[in-house]
Amino acid sequence: MPDPPGRMRRGPFREGAFSERLHDPRTAVVLGRWLAAAFTVCFATGLLSHVLQQPPDWLRDGLPSRPVQGYRITQGLHVVSGIAAIPLLGAKLWTVYPRLFAWPPASGPVQAAERLGVGLLVAAALLELFTGLLNTAQWYPWPFPFRQTHYWAAWIAIGGLLLHVAAKAPLIAAHWRRPSPRAGGADRRRFLLAVGAAVGAVTAVTAGQTVPGLRRLDLLAPRRPDIGPQGLPVNRTAAQAGTASVDTAAWRLRVVGPRPYEVTLAELRAMPQYEAELPIACVEGWSASARWSGVRVRDLLERAGAPASSRVRVVSPDRGPYGVTELGPHHASDPLTLLALRIDGEDLAADHGRPARLIAPNRPGVLQTKWVTRLEVLS
């Protein structure tokens, strides 16, 4: 493409408009390494969360119930790495943005395709971080569904990242190693130190919603895991679910299997009670542990004549998208999976699922169904 007329070479298009030494390949490569690590952790843990919430048919019977803290750790890492990626992406874009004003914009079809791919990568990355951050606050000011959009945008972002790394591999290799003192300079070190400090700061003041050791620094996270009814946060209240007026005297649990039966709350309380220390870990990144007590789900299924390898549907009157969930065989047979009646020695509050709720290890909080009225053996 020909050079533009001189009168157009103004502002950012002017020759020498970007003389700052930090707009250089070495700085971009260092930031790119950090950002790629954050994106990789965020993508892998997000993919795991999606599979646990919506498993494909071939995997739904194989989802593990252990380790007990598995989902708490992986979803905590997902949100922490996603928040850390925000200042990293900002610094990376600042370093390379003069390339937006290069002339000619593309020297041929290959470079044009590469620049288009970079635009797609940046757009997907910004969409992921923006929607993910607002999801931690449960704020959805857009018309499209969050979970599906977030999932597919993640694939676009990670695919674009891989293509970008492949296209820039020679440049990355040339600037991967530490340069000589004259080539780097104190400016780059100060800049990278400032970026690292920003990442550390945003992590420290938000990770406390899932990392107990940082809870006292939990200044900017939208949730405090120790605030809520009975000392636990609540995402969906009984009023929102339409279950605030449940009559516990008339409540019945129906277990549907080869030998179906019904029990009252009094009969359920008279059955052998078990206790388990389990976390509630939610997709928004917060988690908290509590001492739950109730009846083991596998005992309820055994009484109904269900095989040990059964998959179970858990039903509640909640009108939301997770009023009906499924338990795979590993979760249904795990001795820590309870139909909980009490929390920390107290009867469940209405917002925590009174009179009975599901609590299971290594399971997303949205699938820990509250206000349970029915267990159905599926296989």
Protein backbone atom coordinates (compact mmCIF):
# COMPACT_ATOMS: atom_id res chain seq x y z
CA MET A 1 0.00 0.00 0.00
CA PRO A 2 1.33 3.49 -0.77
CA ASP A 3 2.33 5.92 1.95
CA PRO A 4 -0.48 8.33 2.86
CA PRO A 5 -0.19 12.03 2.05
CA GLY A 6 1.94 13.96 4.49
CA ARG A 7 -1.07 15.89 5.82
CA MET A 8 -2.50 12.57 7.10
CA ARG A 9 0.64 11.67 9.03
CA ARG A 10 -0.43 13.53 12.14
CA GLY A 11 -1.07 12.55 15.73
CA PRO A 12 -0.45 8.84 16.25
CA PHE A 13 0.26 8.37 12.51
CA ARG A 14 3.18 10.81 12.62
CA GLU A 15 6.66 9.36 12.17
CA GLY A 16 8.27 8.95 15.59
CA ALA A 17 4.99 9.50 17.44
CA PHE A 18 5.82 6.64 19.81
CA SER A 19 9.33 7.09 21.08
CA GLU A 20 8.82 5.46 24.51
CA ARG A 21 11.26 2.55 24.85
CA LEU A 22 8.70 0.42 26.68
CA HIS A 23 6.71 -0.06 23.46
CA ASP A 24 9.22 -2.70 22.47
CA PRO A 25 9.18 -6.47 21.79
CA ARG A 26 11.06 -7.44 24.96
CA THR A 27 8.51 -5.78 27.24
CA ALA A 28 5.67 -7.28 25.21
CA VAL A 29 7.18 -10.77 25.48
CA VAL A 30 7.61 -10.57 29.26
CA LEU A 31 4.05 -9.36 29.76
CA GLY A 32 2.82 -11.92 27.25
CA ARG A 33 4.35 -14.75 29.30
CA TRP A 34 2.57 -13.60 32.44
CA LEU A 35 -0.71 -13.03 30.62
CA ALA A 36 -0.55 -16.41 28.85
CA ALA A 37 -0.06 -18.15 32.21
CA ALA A 38 -3.08 -16.35 33.71
CA PHE A 39 -5.24 -17.10 30.66
CA THR A 40 -4.22 -20.77 30.64
CA VAL A 41 -5.13 -21.27 34.31
CA CYS A 42 -8.37 -19.33 33.86
CA PHE A 43 -9.34 -21.30 30.75
CA ALA A 44 -8.55 -24.73 32.21
CA THR A 45 -10.40 -24.13 35.48
CA GLY A 46 -13.33 -22.50 33.67
CA LEU A 47 -13.62 -25.48 31.35
CA LEU A 48 -13.67 -27.78 34.38
CA SER A 49 -16.43 -25.71 35.98
CA HIS A 50 -18.49 -25.84 32.79
CA VAL A 51 -18.12 -29.63 32.58
CA LEU A 52 -19.18 -30.05 36.21
CA GLN A 53 -22.28 -27.91 35.63
CA GLN A 54 -23.21 -29.28 32.23
CA PRO A 55 -21.37 -32.58 31.62
CA PRO A 56 -21.54 -34.24 28.22
CA ASP A 57 -23.47 -37.52 28.15
CA TRP A 58 -20.32 -39.63 27.93
CA LEU A 59 -18.90 -38.07 31.09
CA ARG A 60 -21.88 -37.45 33.35
CA ASP A 61 -21.58 -40.82 35.15
CA GLY A 62 -17.85 -40.41 35.68
CA LEU A 63 -17.66 -37.05 37.45
CA PRO A 64 -15.69 -37.58 40.68
CA SER A 65 -16.83 -36.54 44.15
CA ARG A 66 -13.28 -36.23 45.43
CA PRO A 67 -11.19 -34.35 46.33
CA VAL A 68 -13.69 -32.78 48.70
CA GLN A 69 -12.28 -29.27 48.18
CA GLY A 70 -11.72 -29.75 44.46
CA TYR A 71 -14.28 -27.30 43.08
CA ARG A 72 -13.49 -24.75 45.78
CA ILE A 73 -9.84 -24.71 44.72
CA THR A 74 -10.34 -24.76 40.96
CA GLN A 75 -13.09 -22.11 40.89
CA GLY A 76 -11.11 -19.95 43.29
CA LEU A 77 -8.14 -20.18 40.91
CA HIS A 78 -10.45 -19.36 38.00
CA VAL A 79 -11.64 -16.10 39.50
CA VAL A 80 -8.25 -15.14 40.98
CA SER A 81 -6.43 -15.70 37.67
CA GLY A 82 -9.17 -13.87 35.77
CA ILE A 83 -8.94 -10.81 37.99
CA ALA A 84 -5.13 -10.89 37.85
CA ALA A 85 -5.36 -10.93 34.04
CA ILE A 86 -7.13 -7.55 33.98
CA PRO A 87 -4.10 -5.34 34.81
CA LEU A 88 -1.86 -7.70 32.81
CA LEU A 89 -4.00 -7.30 29.71
CA GLY A 90 -4.12 -3.54 30.18
CA ALA A 91 -0.32 -3.34 30.42
CA LYS A 92 0.14 -5.64 27.43
CA LEU A 93 -2.23 -3.60 25.27
CA TRP A 94 -0.51 -0.36 26.32
CA THR A 95 2.83 -1.81 25.27
CA VAL A 96 1.72 -2.86 21.79
CA TYR A 97 -0.97 -0.31 20.91
CA PRO A 98 1.36 1.80 18.68
CA ARG A 99 1.17 -1.11 16.25
CA LEU A 100 -2.45 -0.08 15.62
CA PHE A 101 -1.14 3.04 13.86
CA ALA A 102 1.52 1.39 11.73
CA TRP A 103 1.46 2.14 8.00
CA PRO A 104 0.70 0.30 5.87
CA PRO A 105 -1.86 -1.52 8.04
CA ALA A 106 -0.97 -4.76 6.24
CA SER A 107 1.70 -5.56 3.70
CA GLY A 108 -0.20 -8.51 2.28
CA PRO A 109 -2.94 -11.09 2.87
CA VAL A 110 -0.97 -13.01 5.51
CA GLN A 111 -0.33 -9.96 7.64
CA ALA A 112 -3.93 -8.82 7.13
CA ALA A 113 -5.17 -12.20 8.41
CA GLU A 114 -2.79 -11.97 11.36
CA ARG A 115 -4.02 -8.51 12.32
CA LEU A 116 -7.62 -9.65 12.01
CA GLY A 117 -6.82 -12.57 14.31
CA VAL A 118 -5.24 -10.23 16.85
CA GLY A 119 -8.36 -8.07 16.78
CA LEU A 120 -10.52 -11.11 17.42
CA LEU A 121 -8.23 -12.23 20.27
CA VAL A 122 -8.32 -8.82 21.95
CA ALA A 123 -12.11 -8.53 21.57
CA ALA A 124 -12.70 -12.01 23.03
CA ALA A 125 -10.26 -11.40 25.88
CA LEU A 126 -11.89 -8.09 26.82
CA LEU A 127 -15.35 -9.66 26.65
CA GLU A 128 -14.24 -12.56 28.87
CA LEU A 129 -12.70 -10.36 31.55
CA PHE A 130 -15.50 -7.78 31.50
CA THR A 131 -18.36 -10.28 31.76
CA GLY A 132 -16.46 -12.47 34.21
CA LEU A 133 -15.78 -9.56 36.54
CA LEU A 134 -19.42 -8.46 36.54
CA ASN A 135 -20.50 -12.06 37.11
CA THR A 136 -18.61 -12.07 40.42
CA ALA A 137 -21.01 -9.31 41.48
CA GLN A 138 -24.01 -11.09 39.91
CA TRP A 139 -24.66 -8.09 37.67
CA TYR A 140 -25.76 -8.89 34.11
CA PRO A 141 -26.45 -5.64 32.20
CA TRP A 142 -26.48 -7.35 28.77
CA PRO A 143 -29.19 -9.12 26.76
CA PHE A 144 -27.27 -12.34 26.04
CA PRO A 145 -26.91 -15.39 28.34
CA PHE A 146 -23.76 -15.14 30.42
CA ARG A 147 -22.70 -18.77 30.80
CA GLN A 148 -22.96 -19.77 27.15
CA THR A 149 -21.36 -16.53 25.93
CA HIS A 150 -18.55 -16.76 28.46
CA TYR A 151 -17.89 -20.38 27.49
CA TRP A 152 -17.64 -19.84 23.73
CA ALA A 153 -15.74 -16.57 24.04
CA ALA A 154 -13.17 -18.47 26.11
CA TRP A 155 -12.59 -20.89 23.22
CA ILE A 156 -12.22 -17.97 20.81
CA ALA A 157 -9.74 -16.26 23.14
CA ILE A 158 -7.62 -19.35 23.76
CA GLY A 159 -7.67 -20.28 20.07
CA GLY A 160 -6.66 -16.75 19.11
CA LEU A 161 -3.90 -16.84 21.70
CA LEU A 162 -2.46 -20.06 20.28
CA LEU A 163 -2.55 -18.70 16.73
CA HIS A 164 -0.94 -15.45 17.86
CA VAL A 165 1.87 -17.29 19.64
CA ALA A 166 2.45 -19.43 16.55
CA ALA A 167 2.58 -16.38 14.26
CA LYS A 168 4.93 -14.50 16.59
CA ALA A 169 7.09 -17.49 17.57
CA PRO A 170 10.30 -16.17 15.93
CA LEU A 171 9.89 -12.76 17.57
CA ILE A 172 9.07 -14.35 20.94
CA ALA A 173 12.11 -16.62 20.71
CA ALA A 174 14.38 -13.68 19.85
CA HIS A 175 13.29 -11.72 22.94
CA TRP A 176 12.65 -14.58 25.38
CA ARG A 177 15.96 -14.42 27.23
CA ARG A 178 17.00 -11.58 29.49
CA PRO A 179 18.70 -8.88 27.39
CA SER A 180 21.98 -7.22 28.19
CA PRO A 181 21.84 -4.33 30.73
CA ARG A 182 22.12 -1.76 27.94
CA ALA A 183 19.20 -3.30 26.03
CA GLY A 184 16.79 -3.33 28.97
CA GLY A 185 17.31 -0.34 31.16
CA ALA A 186 15.82 0.65 34.48
CA ASP A 187 12.61 1.92 32.88
CA ARG A 188 11.50 -1.56 31.87
CA ARG A 189 12.29 -3.02 35.27
CA ARG A 190 10.32 -0.28 37.01
CA PHE A 191 7.40 -0.72 34.65
CA LEU A 192 7.28 -4.50 35.09
CA LEU A 193 7.62 -4.10 38.84
CA ALA A 194 4.66 -1.70 38.84
CA VAL A 195 2.57 -4.15 36.79
CA GLY A 196 3.52 -6.98 39.16
CA ALA A 197 2.56 -4.83 42.15
CA ALA A 198 -0.81 -4.02 40.56
CA VAL A 199 -1.50 -7.71 39.96
CA GLY A 200 -0.51 -8.54 43.54
CA ALA A 201 -2.69 -5.75 44.93
CA VAL A 202 -5.88 -6.68 43.06
CA THR A 203 -5.33 -10.33 43.98
CA ALA A 204 -4.77 -9.59 47.66
CA VAL A 205 -7.91 -7.46 48.02
CA THR A 206 -10.23 -9.84 46.14
CA ALA A 207 -8.97 -13.39 46.76
CA GLY A 208 -10.11 -13.34 50.39
CA GLN A 209 -13.59 -14.42 49.29
CA THR A 210 -12.13 -17.88 48.67
CA VAL A 211 -8.68 -17.91 50.35
CA PRO A 212 -9.12 -17.95 54.15
CA GLY A 213 -5.65 -16.50 54.81
CA LEU A 214 -6.51 -13.35 52.83
CA ARG A 215 -9.97 -12.82 54.27
CA ARG A 216 -8.96 -9.79 56.34
CA LEU A 217 -7.80 -8.07 53.13
CA ASP A 218 -11.05 -8.78 51.29
CA LEU A 219 -11.75 -5.13 50.46
CA LEU A 220 -12.91 -5.14 46.82
CA ALA A 221 -14.44 -8.59 46.41
CA PRO A 222 -18.24 -8.45 46.15
CA ARG A 223 -18.71 -11.15 48.81
CA ARG A 224 -17.56 -11.83 52.35
CA PRO A 225 -17.88 -15.61 52.88
CA ASP A 226 -18.72 -15.17 56.56
CA ILE A 227 -21.66 -12.78 56.09
CA GLY A 228 -25.17 -14.12 55.55
CA PRO A 229 -27.85 -16.20 57.27
CA GLN A 230 -26.20 -18.59 59.73
CA GLY A 231 -22.79 -17.21 58.76
CA LEU A 232 -22.93 -18.20 55.07
CA PRO A 233 -23.70 -16.08 52.00
CA VAL A 234 -26.82 -16.76 49.95
CA ASN A 235 -27.06 -16.30 46.19
CA ARG A 236 -30.77 -17.10 45.90
CA THR A 237 -33.17 -16.44 48.75
CA ALA A 238 -36.32 -18.37 49.58
CA ALA A 239 -38.39 -15.35 48.51
CA GLN A 240 -36.68 -15.29 45.09
CA ALA A 241 -37.24 -19.03 44.67
CA GLY A 242 -40.89 -18.85 45.78
CA THR A 243 -40.28 -21.23 48.69
CA ALA A 244 -40.51 -18.84 51.64
CA SER A 245 -43.90 -20.22 52.73
CA VAL A 246 -43.01 -23.93 52.84
CA ASP A 247 -45.08 -25.66 55.53
CA THR A 248 -42.63 -27.98 57.30
CA ALA A 249 -45.49 -29.87 58.98
CA ALA A 250 -46.98 -30.77 55.60
CA TRP A 251 -43.63 -31.25 53.84
CA ARG A 252 -42.84 -34.68 52.44
CA LEU A 253 -39.77 -36.13 50.79
CA ARG A 254 -40.62 -38.60 48.05
CA VAL A 255 -37.94 -41.05 46.91
CA VAL A 256 -38.79 -42.63 43.56
CA GLY A 257 -37.09 -45.93 42.77
CA PRO A 258 -37.82 -49.67 42.59
CA ARG A 259 -39.44 -49.37 46.04
CA PRO A 260 -40.75 -45.78 46.20
CA TYR A 261 -41.69 -44.25 49.53
CA GLU A 262 -42.41 -40.96 51.32
CA VAL A 263 -41.13 -39.63 54.62
CA THR A 264 -42.10 -36.65 56.77
CA LEU A 265 -39.58 -34.27 58.25
CA ALA A 266 -40.01 -35.95 61.66
CA GLU A 267 -39.33 -39.37 60.13
CA LEU A 268 -36.29 -38.02 58.33
CA ARG A 269 -34.93 -36.61 61.58
CA ALA A 270 -35.46 -40.00 63.25
CA MET A 271 -33.20 -41.73 60.71
CA PRO A 272 -29.45 -42.11 61.39
CA GLN A 273 -27.88 -38.66 61.16
CA TYR A 274 -24.39 -37.98 59.79
CA GLU A 275 -22.18 -34.92 59.88
CA ALA A 276 -19.72 -33.59 57.32
CA GLU A 277 -17.51 -30.50 57.04
CA LEU A 278 -18.09 -29.36 53.46
CA PRO A 279 -17.67 -26.13 51.51
CA ILE A 280 -20.18 -24.19 49.51
CA ALA A 281 -18.20 -23.00 46.48
CA CYS A 282 -19.93 -20.81 43.93
CA VAL A 283 -19.13 -19.86 40.36
CA GLU A 284 -18.72 -16.21 41.40
CA GLY A 285 -15.52 -17.22 43.21
CA TRP A 286 -16.56 -17.15 46.87
CA SER A 287 -16.52 -20.21 49.10
CA ALA A 288 -17.07 -21.03 52.77
CA SER A 289 -17.11 -24.19 54.84
CA ALA A 290 -19.76 -25.27 57.33
CA ARG A 291 -20.65 -28.31 59.43
CA TRP A 292 -23.66 -29.97 57.84
CA SER A 293 -25.73 -32.77 59.33
CA GLY A 294 -28.52 -34.89 57.92
CA VAL A 295 -29.25 -38.20 56.22
CA ARG A 296 -26.89 -39.77 53.72
CA VAL A 297 -28.35 -39.77 50.23
CA ARG A 298 -27.06 -43.27 49.60
CA ASP A 299 -29.07 -44.54 52.60
CA LEU A 300 -32.23 -42.98 51.16
CA LEU A 301 -31.54 -44.58 47.78
CA GLU A 302 -30.73 -47.96 49.30
CA ARG A 303 -34.08 -47.96 51.09
CA ALA A 304 -35.73 -47.35 47.71
CA GLY A 305 -33.91 -50.36 46.24
CA ALA A 306 -31.66 -48.30 43.94
CA PRO A 307 -28.44 -49.92 42.67
CA ALA A 308 -25.18 -48.50 44.00
CA SER A 309 -24.34 -47.12 40.54
CA SER A 310 -27.53 -45.07 40.28
CA ARG A 311 -27.77 -41.59 38.86
CA VAL A 312 -30.31 -39.44 40.68
CA ARG A 313 -32.47 -36.43 39.85
CA VAL A 314 -32.90 -33.95 42.70
CA VAL A 315 -36.09 -31.90 42.54
CA SER A 316 -37.19 -28.79 44.42
CA PRO A 317 -39.99 -26.24 43.88
CA ASP A 318 -37.42 -23.56 43.07
CA ARG A 319 -38.58 -21.79 39.91
CA GLY A 320 -35.02 -20.96 38.87
CA PRO A 321 -32.75 -22.75 36.36
CA TYR A 322 -31.26 -25.02 39.03
CA GLY A 323 -34.45 -26.16 40.74
CA VAL A 324 -33.82 -29.60 39.24
CA THR A 325 -30.31 -31.07 39.17
CA GLU A 326 -28.70 -34.47 38.78
CA LEU A 327 -26.26 -36.44 40.92
CA GLY A 328 -23.88 -38.82 39.19
CA PRO A 329 -23.13 -42.25 40.67
CA HIS A 330 -19.94 -41.13 42.44
CA HIS A 331 -21.71 -38.27 44.19
CA ALA A 332 -24.87 -40.25 44.98
CA SER A 333 -22.93 -43.07 46.63
CA ASP A 334 -20.39 -40.89 48.44
CA PRO A 335 -20.88 -41.10 52.24
CA LEU A 336 -20.31 -37.34 52.49
CA THR A 337 -23.27 -36.51 50.23
CA LEU A 338 -26.10 -35.54 52.56
CA LEU A 339 -29.67 -34.45 52.48
CA ALA A 340 -28.82 -31.84 55.08
CA LEU A 341 -31.29 -30.74 57.76
CA ARG A 342 -28.95 -28.70 59.95
CA ILE A 343 -25.99 -26.37 59.60
CA ASP A 344 -23.49 -25.78 62.40
CA GLY A 345 -25.90 -27.36 64.87
CA GLU A 346 -28.94 -25.28 63.84
CA ASP A 347 -31.95 -26.14 61.70
CA LEU A 348 -31.53 -24.78 58.20
CA ALA A 349 -32.73 -21.23 57.67
CA ALA A 350 -35.29 -20.76 54.92
CA ASP A 351 -32.68 -19.11 52.68
CA HIS A 352 -30.38 -22.12 53.12
CA GLY A 353 -33.03 -24.60 51.99
CA ARG A 354 -35.24 -25.42 54.97
CA PRO A 355 -36.39 -28.06 55.58
CA ALA A 356 -33.83 -30.09 53.55
CA ARG A 357 -31.13 -29.41 51.01
CA LEU A 358 -28.45 -31.28 49.13
CA ILE A 359 -24.81 -30.89 50.10
CA ALA A 360 -22.12 -32.90 48.31
CA PRO A 361 -18.31 -32.75 47.97
CA ASN A 362 -16.57 -31.33 44.89
CA ARG A 363 -19.76 -29.87 43.46
CA PRO A 364 -20.62 -26.33 42.25
CA GLY A 365 -22.75 -24.35 44.67
CA VAL A 366 -25.51 -23.83 42.08
CA LEU A 367 -25.99 -27.61 42.02
CA GLN A 368 -26.31 -27.95 45.81
CA THR A 369 -30.10 -27.96 45.45
CA LYS A 370 -32.14 -26.33 48.23
CA TRP A 371 -35.72 -26.99 49.38
CA VAL A 372 -35.54 -30.61 48.14
CA THR A 373 -38.85 -32.46 47.87
CA ARG A 374 -38.04 -35.39 45.59
CA LEU A 375 -35.23 -37.82 44.70
CA GLU A 376 -35.70 -39.81 41.50
CA VAL A 377 -33.53 -42.80 40.59
CA LEU A 378 -32.68 -42.49 36.88
CA SER A 379 -30.43 -45.50 36.29
